[in-house]
Protein backbone atom coordinates (compact mmCIF):
# COMPACT_ATOMS: atom_id res chain seq x y z
CA MET A 1 11.24 33.34 -23.94
CA LEU A 2 13.10 36.33 -22.53
CA GLY A 3 16.53 37.05 -23.94
CA ALA A 4 19.73 38.23 -22.30
CA PRO A 5 19.35 40.95 -19.65
CA THR A 6 19.82 44.52 -20.88
CA VAL A 7 21.43 45.53 -17.56
CA GLU A 8 25.17 44.88 -17.20
CA LEU A 9 25.93 41.89 -14.97
CA GLU A 10 28.94 40.61 -13.01
CA GLN A 11 29.84 37.21 -11.60
CA VAL A 12 30.06 37.20 -7.79
CA PRO A 13 31.02 34.69 -5.06
CA CYS A 14 28.74 33.73 -2.18
CA GLY A 15 28.04 36.72 0.08
CA LEU A 16 28.04 34.56 3.22
CA CYS A 17 31.03 32.22 2.97
CA GLY A 18 32.90 33.62 -0.05
CA ALA A 19 32.88 30.33 -1.97
CA ASP A 20 32.46 30.17 -5.74
CA ASN A 21 30.84 26.75 -5.76
CA TRP A 22 27.17 26.82 -6.67
CA GLU A 23 24.28 24.99 -8.29
CA LEU A 24 21.33 26.46 -10.18
CA HIS A 25 18.31 27.30 -8.00
CA LEU A 26 16.02 28.91 -10.62
CA THR A 27 15.89 31.26 -13.59
CA ARG A 28 13.21 33.94 -13.96
CA GLY A 29 12.44 37.26 -15.58
CA ASP A 30 11.45 40.51 -13.87
CA LEU A 31 7.72 40.19 -13.10
CA ASN A 32 7.46 43.49 -11.23
CA LEU A 33 9.07 46.33 -13.21
CA PHE A 34 9.58 44.16 -16.32
CA LEU A 35 13.27 44.72 -17.06
CA GLU A 36 14.23 42.66 -20.09
CA GLY A 37 16.08 39.39 -19.76
CA ASN A 38 16.37 36.29 -17.59
CA PHE A 39 18.07 36.35 -14.19
CA ARG A 40 19.61 33.39 -12.37
CA LEU A 41 19.47 32.48 -8.68
CA VAL A 42 22.04 29.97 -7.46
CA ARG A 43 22.53 28.06 -4.21
CA CYS A 44 25.97 27.92 -2.59
CA ARG A 45 27.04 24.29 -2.21
CA VAL A 46 29.14 25.20 0.85
CA CYS A 47 26.80 27.23 3.10
CA GLY A 48 23.41 27.03 1.33
CA LEU A 49 22.88 30.75 0.67
CA VAL A 50 20.66 31.48 -2.35
CA TYR A 51 21.85 34.52 -4.29
CA LEU A 52 21.68 36.24 -7.69
CA ASN A 53 24.62 35.28 -9.90
CA PRO A 54 25.49 36.98 -12.15
CA ARG A 55 23.99 40.15 -10.77
CA PRO A 56 23.81 43.81 -11.86
CA LEU A 57 26.93 45.86 -11.17
CA ALA A 58 26.91 47.23 -7.63
CA GLU A 59 27.34 50.82 -8.83
CA ARG A 60 24.29 50.47 -11.14
CA LEU A 61 21.84 48.90 -8.69
CA SER A 62 19.88 52.15 -8.41
CA ASP A 63 18.96 51.73 -12.10
CA LEU A 64 16.80 48.74 -11.10
CA TYR A 65 14.35 50.94 -9.18
CA ARG A 66 11.88 53.55 -10.38
CA ASP A 67 10.16 56.20 -8.30
CA ASP A 68 6.93 54.17 -8.60
CA TYR A 69 8.56 51.11 -6.98
CA ASP A 70 6.27 49.76 -4.22
CA GLN A 71 8.32 51.12 -1.32
CA TYR A 72 8.43 54.63 -2.82
CA THR A 73 4.70 55.16 -3.30
CA VAL A 74 2.33 57.21 -1.13
CA ALA A 75 3.57 57.60 2.46
CA VAL A 76 1.19 56.68 5.26
CA THR A 77 0.75 60.31 6.31
CA ALA A 78 -0.40 61.22 2.77
CA GLU A 79 -2.67 58.19 2.27
CA PRO A 80 -6.09 59.56 1.16
CA SER A 81 -8.12 56.59 2.44
CA TRP A 82 -8.58 56.65 6.22
CA LEU A 83 -9.19 52.88 6.22
CA VAL A 84 -5.92 52.15 4.37
CA ARG A 85 -4.10 54.65 6.59
CA LEU A 86 -5.43 52.92 9.71
CA ASP A 87 -4.32 49.55 8.40
CA ARG A 88 -0.84 50.80 7.58
CA GLU A 89 -0.47 52.54 10.93
CA TYR A 90 -1.36 49.26 12.65
CA GLY A 91 1.48 47.54 10.77
CA LEU A 92 3.89 50.32 11.78
CA ARG A 93 2.92 49.96 15.43
CA LYS A 94 3.74 46.25 15.22
CA ARG A 95 7.20 47.17 13.97
CA CYS A 96 7.64 49.68 16.77
CA ARG A 97 6.73 47.05 19.39
CA VAL A 98 9.52 44.78 18.14
CA VAL A 99 12.01 47.53 19.02
CA LEU A 100 10.32 48.67 22.24
CA ARG A 101 10.22 45.10 23.54
CA ARG A 102 14.03 45.15 23.81
CA VAL A 103 14.97 48.83 23.97
CA PRO A 104 12.51 51.21 25.71
CA ARG A 105 14.16 54.46 24.57
CA GLY A 106 17.20 55.76 22.74
CA ARG A 107 18.35 56.59 19.22
CA LEU A 108 17.32 54.53 16.20
CA LEU A 109 18.67 54.25 12.65
CA ASP A 110 16.47 52.82 9.90
CA VAL A 111 18.48 51.58 6.90
CA GLY A 112 16.56 51.83 3.63
CA CYS A 113 13.86 53.97 5.24
CA ALA A 114 12.08 54.86 1.93
CA THR A 115 9.64 57.73 2.57
CA GLY A 116 10.18 57.50 6.34
CA ASP A 117 6.96 55.85 7.54
CA PHE A 118 8.62 53.74 10.24
CA LEU A 119 10.79 56.63 11.45
CA TRP A 120 7.68 58.79 11.67
CA ALA A 121 5.99 56.12 13.83
CA MET A 122 9.05 55.61 16.08
CA ARG A 123 9.46 59.36 16.60
CA ARG A 124 5.99 59.38 18.14
CA CYS A 125 7.16 56.93 20.83
CA PRO A 126 8.35 58.74 24.00
CA GLY A 127 12.10 58.90 24.47
CA TRP A 128 13.16 58.20 20.88
CA GLU A 129 15.35 60.10 18.43
CA VAL A 130 15.44 58.75 14.88
CA ALA A 131 17.55 58.93 11.73
CA GLY A 132 17.51 57.15 8.40
CA VAL A 133 19.41 56.44 5.23
CA GLU A 134 17.78 55.91 1.83
CA LEU A 135 19.26 55.27 -1.61
CA ASN A 136 16.37 56.74 -3.61
CA PRO A 137 16.71 60.57 -3.76
CA ALA A 138 12.99 61.27 -4.21
CA ALA A 139 11.96 59.09 -1.26
CA ALA A 140 14.68 60.57 0.96
CA GLN A 141 13.66 64.10 -0.02
CA TYR A 142 10.03 63.36 0.88
CA ALA A 143 11.08 62.12 4.32
CA ARG A 144 13.13 65.24 4.95
CA GLU A 145 10.77 67.86 3.57
CA GLN A 146 7.34 66.44 4.38
CA LEU A 147 8.05 64.54 7.61
CA HIS A 148 11.02 66.67 8.79
CA LEU A 149 13.16 63.60 9.43
CA ASP A 150 16.95 63.28 9.55
CA VAL A 151 17.35 61.12 6.44
CA ARG A 152 20.59 60.96 4.46
CA THR A 153 20.60 60.04 0.78
CA GLY A 154 22.92 57.20 -0.27
CA THR A 155 24.17 53.94 1.18
CA LEU A 156 24.89 53.25 4.84
CA GLU A 157 28.58 53.30 4.01
CA GLN A 158 28.23 56.83 2.59
CA ALA A 159 26.07 58.22 5.42
CA GLY A 160 28.92 59.08 7.79
CA PHE A 161 27.25 58.24 11.10
CA GLU A 162 29.52 58.04 14.16
CA ALA A 163 30.44 54.70 15.71
CA GLY A 164 28.37 53.76 18.73
CA ALA A 165 25.76 56.44 17.99
CA PHE A 166 22.65 54.24 18.05
CA ASP A 167 20.74 51.98 20.42
CA ALA A 168 18.84 50.22 17.60
CA VAL A 169 19.33 49.65 13.87
CA THR A 170 16.52 48.32 11.69
CA LEU A 171 16.42 46.92 8.16
CA TRP A 172 12.82 46.38 7.07
CA ASP A 173 12.76 44.43 3.78
CA VAL A 174 16.21 45.80 2.89
CA LEU A 175 18.86 43.13 3.52
CA GLU A 176 17.84 41.10 0.44
CA HIS A 177 18.53 44.17 -1.76
CA LEU A 178 22.10 44.77 -0.56
CA PRO A 179 25.13 43.80 -2.68
CA HIS A 180 27.31 43.21 0.42
CA PRO A 181 24.98 42.20 3.27
CA ALA A 182 27.79 40.90 5.49
CA GLY A 183 29.67 44.19 5.24
CA THR A 184 26.54 46.23 5.93
CA LEU A 185 25.79 44.21 9.08
CA ARG A 186 29.36 44.62 10.30
CA LEU A 187 28.97 48.37 9.85
CA ALA A 188 25.65 48.25 11.69
CA ALA A 189 27.46 46.57 14.59
CA GLN A 190 29.99 49.41 14.65
CA LEU A 191 27.20 52.01 14.76
CA LEU A 192 25.48 50.30 17.70
CA ARG A 193 26.38 50.77 21.34
CA PRO A 194 27.31 47.59 23.29
CA GLY A 195 24.22 45.44 23.64
CA GLY A 196 22.42 47.41 20.93
CA LEU A 197 19.52 45.93 18.97
CA LEU A 198 19.48 44.89 15.32
CA VAL A 199 16.09 44.07 13.70
CA ILE A 200 15.86 42.52 10.24
CA ASN A 201 12.76 41.66 8.25
CA THR A 202 13.37 39.70 5.05
CA PRO A 203 11.70 37.03 2.87
CA ASN A 204 11.74 33.56 4.42
CA LEU A 205 13.06 30.88 2.07
CA ASP A 206 11.70 28.23 4.45
CA SER A 207 8.15 29.55 4.07
CA PHE A 208 5.19 27.57 2.78
CA ASP A 209 4.61 30.33 0.20
CA ALA A 210 8.06 29.71 -1.28
CA ARG A 211 7.11 26.07 -1.87
CA LEU A 212 3.56 26.83 -3.02
CA PHE A 213 4.36 29.55 -5.58
CA GLY A 214 7.77 28.29 -6.72
CA LYS A 215 9.54 30.73 -9.00
CA TYR A 216 6.60 33.16 -8.74
CA TRP A 217 7.12 33.67 -4.99
CA ILE A 218 7.56 37.36 -4.09
CA GLY A 219 10.79 36.52 -2.25
CA TYR A 220 12.35 35.93 -5.67
CA GLU A 221 11.86 39.55 -6.69
CA LEU A 222 14.48 39.43 -9.42
CA PRO A 223 16.71 41.21 -10.13
CA ARG A 224 16.21 43.48 -7.08
CA HIS A 225 16.55 40.73 -4.47
CA LEU A 226 20.24 39.84 -4.54
CA SER A 227 20.08 37.29 -1.68
CA VAL A 228 17.28 35.09 -0.37
CA PHE A 229 17.76 33.86 3.19
CA SER A 230 16.62 30.85 5.13
CA ARG A 231 16.57 31.10 8.91
CA ARG A 232 19.84 29.18 9.03
CA THR A 233 21.73 31.37 6.54
CA LEU A 234 20.40 34.58 8.10
CA GLU A 235 21.50 33.55 11.58
CA ALA A 236 24.90 32.55 10.19
CA LEU A 237 25.24 36.02 8.63
CA THR A 238 24.26 37.91 11.80
CA THR A 239 26.54 35.75 13.97
CA GLN A 240 29.41 36.42 11.58
CA ALA A 241 28.78 40.16 11.97
CA GLY A 242 28.94 40.04 15.78
CA PHE A 243 25.30 39.54 16.83
CA ARG A 244 23.37 37.04 18.93
CA THR A 245 19.82 36.15 17.85
CA VAL A 246 17.26 36.67 20.64
CA ASP A 247 13.94 36.45 18.79
CA PHE A 248 12.53 34.98 15.59
CA ARG A 249 8.95 35.59 14.49
CA ASN A 250 6.63 36.17 11.55
CA LEU A 251 5.46 39.72 12.06
CA TYR A 252 3.48 41.13 9.15
CA GLY A 253 2.76 41.15 5.44
CA SER A 254 1.55 37.58 4.94
CA HIS A 255 -1.53 38.50 2.89
CA ALA A 256 0.22 41.20 0.87
CA TRP A 257 3.13 38.90 0.07
CA ALA A 258 0.88 36.02 -0.95
CA VAL A 259 -1.16 38.36 -3.15
CA SER A 260 2.01 39.64 -4.80
CA SER A 261 3.11 36.07 -5.54
CA LEU A 262 -0.30 35.24 -6.99
CA ARG A 263 -0.17 38.38 -9.15
CA PHE A 264 3.23 37.30 -10.50
CA TRP A 265 1.74 33.91 -11.41
CA MET A 266 -1.23 35.55 -13.14
CA ARG A 267 1.00 37.93 -15.10
CA ALA A 268 2.95 34.95 -16.41
CA HIS A 269 -0.04 32.73 -17.28
CA MET A 270 -3.13 34.86 -17.92
CA LYS A 271 -3.45 36.57 -21.31
CA ASN A 272 -6.80 38.25 -20.65
CA ASP A 273 -5.84 41.60 -19.12
CA ARG A 274 -9.38 42.52 -18.06
CA LEU A 275 -9.94 39.22 -16.28
CA ARG A 276 -6.56 39.45 -14.58
CA ALA A 277 -7.24 43.01 -13.40
CA TRP A 278 -10.62 41.92 -11.99
CA LEU A 279 -9.09 38.97 -10.15
CA GLU A 280 -6.38 41.22 -8.70
CA ARG A 281 -9.05 43.52 -7.29
CA VAL A 282 -10.84 40.54 -5.77
CA ILE A 283 -7.80 39.03 -4.04
CA LEU A 284 -6.77 42.47 -2.75
CA SER A 285 -10.23 43.13 -1.26
CA ARG A 286 -10.74 43.23 2.48
CA PRO A 287 -13.37 40.45 2.54
CA VAL A 288 -10.89 38.04 0.93
CA ARG A 289 -8.21 39.20 3.34
CA VAL A 290 -10.49 38.46 6.31
CA LEU A 291 -11.38 35.01 4.91
CA CYS A 292 -7.67 34.16 4.58
CA LEU A 293 -6.76 35.35 8.07
CA PRO A 294 -6.98 31.93 9.81
CA TYR A 295 -4.58 30.42 7.27
CA PHE A 296 -2.02 33.19 7.78
CA LEU A 297 -2.32 32.96 11.57
CA VAL A 298 -1.50 29.25 11.38
CA MET A 299 1.50 29.96 9.14
CA ASP A 300 2.70 32.59 11.62
CA GLN A 301 2.49 30.15 14.51
CA LEU A 302 4.39 27.51 12.53
CA ARG A 303 7.05 30.13 11.58
CA LEU A 304 6.34 29.35 7.92
CA SER A 305 5.07 32.77 6.76
CA ALA A 306 6.60 34.46 3.73
CA GLY A 307 8.56 36.98 5.79
CA MET A 308 10.66 36.54 8.92
CA THR A 309 11.60 39.12 11.54
CA VAL A 310 14.79 38.47 13.47
CA SER A 311 15.95 40.47 16.49
CA CYS A 312 19.62 40.35 17.46
CA LEU A 313 21.76 41.92 20.18
CA LYS A 314 25.28 43.16 19.57
CA VAL A 315 27.77 40.94 21.34
CA SER A 316 29.77 43.27 23.62
């Protein structure tokens, strides 16, 4: 059994309603970067938000990430395999269409832009200027130097963008990592022009994967995921920040997320490293991905996929 976490923790209230009235949701170790210790997710008895409590100190959250963290690995423009690059570019185009469906041109800010893949794709769309903010210095530097993007290192609060400067703000798989998601969304509203678009992609607590994999579900990526949202709690958070939800869909990542959850389960239960490595290669293979496609399409239609994409308009 894992012992006490080696990272310093603090008790926190609910990030949605502010209550300090919770019940235990689950306890789990770090199955991704293998930080020592157990971490505890709780569910607010008042509003239902699931969040990490206690959690690492806000000023030390960057210590939870290494430069080899999934989002900081090879950028799409540097991907050596043309087949993988094609696949990743297809996913980026799907993200772009979510924005273009509501806002045909303008200025976009991507919060937590990592190495800048999405900004690179949006810049290729006619009529768009782009900017980003990224906490990891190495990833931000790559975006600036290799892709020549306007990316500022630090938090959104530190970036210093002018109010009303953007037509769209996106947070792709970022909101769950933020220590103060409500405050960040309020700031996003300030940075948007009246009627501006906010797009959030985040793990879906209502998903079938969450029920199937239990504590090994990728949405519980402890201790880096500080909040885990259901559709109801996410819409409550965006409404509180001054937005109106206009679209809810399952956009991408179903196979990758399910594979990640299965890998977490195997790491916890399989002692034979060679067998586990072989099975990981099998489930990551394209033939298996194609065979699983009908299942994921059904989950998308039922809005039960592991990730949810929500589009919101700023209430003028």
